[in-house]
C-alpha atoms as a PDB file:
ATOM      1  CA  UNK A   1     -73.561 -30.431 147.884  1.00  0.00           C
ATOM      2  CA  UNK A   2     -73.370 -34.534 148.770  1.00  0.00           C
ATOM      3  CA  UNK A   3     -77.161 -34.648 146.752  1.00  0.00           C
ATOM      4  CA  UNK A   4     -75.426 -32.729 143.661  1.00  0.00           C
ATOM      5  CA  UNK A   5     -72.451 -35.322 143.627  1.00  0.00           C
ATOM      6  CA  UNK A   6     -74.747 -38.012 144.018  1.00  0.00           C
ATOM      7  CA  UNK A   7     -76.999 -36.903 141.278  1.00  0.00           C
ATOM      8  CA  UNK A   8     -73.910 -36.044 139.371  1.00  0.00           C
ATOM      9  CA  UNK A   9     -72.565 -39.909 139.918  1.00  0.00           C
ATOM     10  CA  UNK A  10     -75.987 -41.563 139.091  1.00  0.00           C
ATOM     11  CA  UNK A  11     -75.943 -39.541 135.739  1.00  0.00           C
ATOM     12  CA  UNK A  12     -71.805 -40.643 134.895  1.00  0.00           C
ATOM     13  CA  UNK A  13     -73.123 -44.569 135.817  1.00  0.00           C
ATOM     14  CA  UNK A  14     -75.952 -44.191 133.341  1.00  0.00           C
ATOM     15  CA  UNK A  15     -74.146 -42.966 130.632  1.00  0.00           C
ATOM     16  CA  UNK A  16     -71.206 -45.553 131.449  1.00  0.00           C
ATOM     17  CA  UNK A  17     -73.204 -48.334 130.103  1.00  0.00           C
ATOM     18  CA  UNK A  18     -73.384 -49.074 125.993  1.00  0.00           C
ATOM     19  CA  UNK A  19     -76.992 -50.258 126.248  1.00  0.00           C
ATOM     20  CA  UNK A  20     -78.317 -47.530 128.411  1.00  0.00           C
ATOM     21  CA  UNK A  21     -76.426 -45.189 125.629  1.00  0.00           C
ATOM     22  CA  UNK A  22     -78.219 -47.055 122.870  1.00  0.00           C
ATOM     23  CA  UNK A  23     -81.708 -46.242 124.319  1.00  0.00           C
ATOM     24  CA  UNK A  24     -80.824 -42.524 124.703  1.00  0.00           C
ATOM     25  CA  UNK A  25     -79.767 -42.769 121.046  1.00  0.00           C
ATOM     26  CA  UNK A  26     -83.036 -44.426 120.316  1.00  0.00           C
ATOM     27  CA  UNK A  27     -85.206 -41.889 122.145  1.00  0.00           C
ATOM     28  CA  UNK A  28     -83.314 -38.914 120.896  1.00  0.00           C
ATOM     29  CA  UNK A  29     -84.377 -40.120 117.094  1.00  0.00           C
ATOM     30  CA  UNK A  30     -87.524 -41.120 118.134  1.00  0.00           C
ATOM     31  CA  UNK A  31     -88.884 -39.533 121.564  1.00  0.00           C
ATOM     32  CA  UNK A  32     -92.419 -41.059 122.844  1.00  0.00           C
ATOM     33  CA  UNK A  33     -91.303 -44.745 122.692  1.00  0.00           C
ATOM     34  CA  UNK A  34     -92.849 -47.543 124.154  1.00  0.00           C
ATOM     35  CA  UNK A  35     -91.387 -50.589 126.232  1.00  0.00           C
ATOM     36  CA  UNK A  36     -92.031 -53.173 123.502  1.00  0.00           C
ATOM     37  CA  UNK A  37     -90.695 -50.736 120.495  1.00  0.00           C
ATOM     38  CA  UNK A  38     -87.458 -50.080 122.524  1.00  0.00           C
ATOM     39  CA  UNK A  39     -86.959 -53.944 123.006  1.00  0.00           C
ATOM     40  CA  UNK A  40     -86.941 -54.302 119.097  1.00  0.00           C
ATOM     41  CA  UNK A  41     -83.677 -52.582 118.969  1.00  0.00           C
ATOM     42  CA  UNK A  42     -81.713 -54.307 121.588  1.00  0.00           C
ATOM     43  CA  UNK A  43     -80.679 -57.590 122.153  1.00  0.00           C
ATOM     44  CA  UNK A  44     -81.866 -58.391 125.387  1.00  0.00           C
ATOM     45  CA  UNK A  45     -84.247 -59.469 127.769  1.00  0.00           C
ATOM     46  CA  UNK A  46     -87.502 -57.293 128.662  1.00  0.00           C
ATOM     47  CA  UNK A  47     -86.368 -56.948 132.099  1.00  0.00           C
ATOM     48  CA  UNK A  48     -83.343 -56.187 131.036  1.00  0.00           C
ATOM     49  CA  UNK A  49     -84.309 -53.458 129.001  1.00  0.00           C
ATOM     50  CA  UNK A  50     -86.620 -52.387 131.804  1.00  0.00           C
ATOM     51  CA  UNK A  51     -83.715 -51.909 134.423  1.00  0.00           C
ATOM     52  CA  UNK A  52     -81.674 -50.000 132.239  1.00  0.00           C
ATOM     53  CA  UNK A  53     -84.875 -47.698 131.592  1.00  0.00           C
ATOM     54  CA  UNK A  54     -85.091 -47.665 135.450  1.00  0.00           C
ATOM     55  CA  UNK A  55     -81.796 -46.271 136.147  1.00  0.00           C
ATOM     56  CA  UNK A  56     -81.967 -43.506 133.317  1.00  0.00           C
ATOM     57  CA  UNK A  57     -85.107 -42.440 135.178  1.00  0.00           C
ATOM     58  CA  UNK A  58     -83.454 -42.566 138.532  1.00  0.00           C
ATOM     59  CA  UNK A  59     -80.654 -40.047 136.797  1.00  0.00           C
ATOM     60  CA  UNK A  60     -83.449 -37.865 134.981  1.00  0.00           C
ATOM     61  CA  UNK A  61     -82.346 -38.725 131.491  1.00  0.00           C
ATOM     62  CA  UNK A  62     -85.378 -40.329 130.419  1.00  0.00           C
ATOM     63  CA  UNK A  63     -89.225 -39.149 131.624  1.00  0.00           C
ATOM     64  CA  UNK A  64     -92.403 -41.391 130.807  1.00  0.00           C
ATOM     65  CA  UNK A  65     -95.850 -40.956 130.890  1.00  0.00           C
ATOM     66  CA  UNK A  66     -98.916 -42.846 130.868  1.00  0.00           C
ATOM     67  CA  UNK A  67    -101.176 -43.110 127.963  1.00  0.00           C
ATOM     68  CA  UNK A  68    -103.824 -45.960 128.591  1.00  0.00           C
ATOM     69  CA  UNK A  69    -102.072 -49.160 129.164  1.00  0.00           C
ATOM     70  CA  UNK A  70     -98.794 -47.833 127.276  1.00  0.00           C
ATOM     71  CA  UNK A  71     -95.585 -46.309 129.122  1.00  0.00           C
ATOM     72  CA  UNK A  72     -94.066 -43.768 126.963  1.00  0.00           C
ATOM     73  CA  UNK A  73     -90.282 -43.162 127.287  1.00  0.00           C
ATOM     74  CA  UNK A  74     -89.131 -39.323 126.190  1.00  0.00           C
ATOM     75  CA  UNK A  75     -85.739 -38.233 126.372  1.00  0.00           C
ATOM     76  CA  UNK A  76     -84.928 -35.245 129.083  1.00  0.00           C
ATOM     77  CA  UNK A  77     -81.511 -33.582 127.518  1.00  0.00           C
ATOM     78  CA  UNK A  78     -81.443 -31.614 130.609  1.00  0.00           C
ATOM     79  CA  UNK A  79     -78.988 -33.479 132.734  1.00  0.00           C
ATOM     80  CA  UNK A  80     -76.517 -33.644 129.071  1.00  0.00           C
ATOM     81  CA  UNK A  81     -76.500 -29.967 129.066  1.00  0.00           C
ATOM     82  CA  UNK A  82     -75.366 -29.263 132.328  1.00  0.00           C
ATOM     83  CA  UNK A  83     -72.563 -31.412 131.956  1.00  0.00           C
ATOM     84  CA  UNK A  84     -71.657 -29.493 129.082  1.00  0.00           C
ATOM     85  CA  UNK A  85     -72.108 -26.670 130.693  1.00  0.00           C
ATOM     86  CA  UNK A  86     -69.844 -27.700 133.472  1.00  0.00           C
ATOM     87  CA  UNK A  87     -67.034 -29.854 132.070  1.00  0.00           C
ATOM     88  CA  UNK A  88     -66.673 -29.349 128.136  1.00  0.00           C
ATOM     89  CA  UNK A  89     -67.970 -25.395 127.280  1.00  0.00           C
ATOM     90  CA  UNK A  90     -65.551 -24.239 129.567  1.00  0.00           C
ATOM     91  CA  UNK A  91     -62.166 -26.136 127.719  1.00  0.00           C
ATOM     92  CA  UNK A  92     -63.878 -25.300 124.671  1.00  0.00           C
ATOM     93  CA  UNK A  93     -64.194 -21.305 124.607  1.00  0.00           C
ATOM     94  CA  UNK A  94     -60.493 -21.266 124.911  1.00  0.00           C
ATOM     95  CA  UNK A  95     -60.095 -23.508 122.035  1.00  0.00           C
ATOM     96  CA  UNK A  96     -62.173 -21.519 120.175  1.00  0.00           C
ATOM     97  CA  UNK A  97     -59.771 -18.172 120.798  1.00  0.00           C
ATOM     98  CA  UNK A  98     -56.999 -20.265 119.722  1.00  0.00           C
ATOM     99  CA  UNK A  99     -58.530 -21.108 116.154  1.00  0.00           C
ATOM    100  CA  UNK A 100     -59.790 -17.465 116.055  1.00  0.00           C
ATOM    101  CA  UNK A 101     -56.420 -15.847 116.807  1.00  0.00           C
ATOM    102  CA  UNK A 102     -54.885 -17.972 114.340  1.00  0.00           C
ATOM    103  CA  UNK A 103     -57.182 -17.411 111.743  1.00  0.00           C
ATOM    104  CA  UNK A 104     -56.683 -13.536 111.851  1.00  0.00           C
ATOM    105  CA  UNK A 105     -52.960 -14.053 111.987  1.00  0.00           C
ATOM    106  CA  UNK A 106     -53.175 -16.008 108.481  1.00  0.00           C
ATOM    107  CA  UNK A 107     -55.626 -13.877 107.366  1.00  0.00           C
ATOM    108  CA  UNK A 108     -53.419 -10.459 108.372  1.00  0.00           C
ATOM    109  CA  UNK A 109     -50.511 -11.564 107.675  1.00  0.00           C
ATOM    110  CA  UNK A 110     -47.747 -11.169 110.465  1.00  0.00           C
ATOM    111  CA  UNK A 111     -49.050  -8.015 112.287  1.00  0.00           C
ATOM    112  CA  UNK A 112     -50.925  -9.495 114.654  1.00  0.00           C
END
């Protein structure tokens, strides 16, 4: 259980920083970007971007592959889906059920 908590803590730490969220947004827009391409969109040093990418990789949010001398960065949405399923989806179902019930009452009058 401690390992899962550590992974979750690392994931939320990675998501806590606006620059790292910007990197994830950039990879969502276009996957397979190089470090140079990502640096063009952030007002920080190449070393700073690399450190953010390293943390995103450690949190399993970014995967990389080498293509010749280039290292391509890809978004891994699986940890985000895990967050959704664990903390968001379970709260969404009652809300959707309440909206469905309200819709039925409004459409069917007062008999339901």
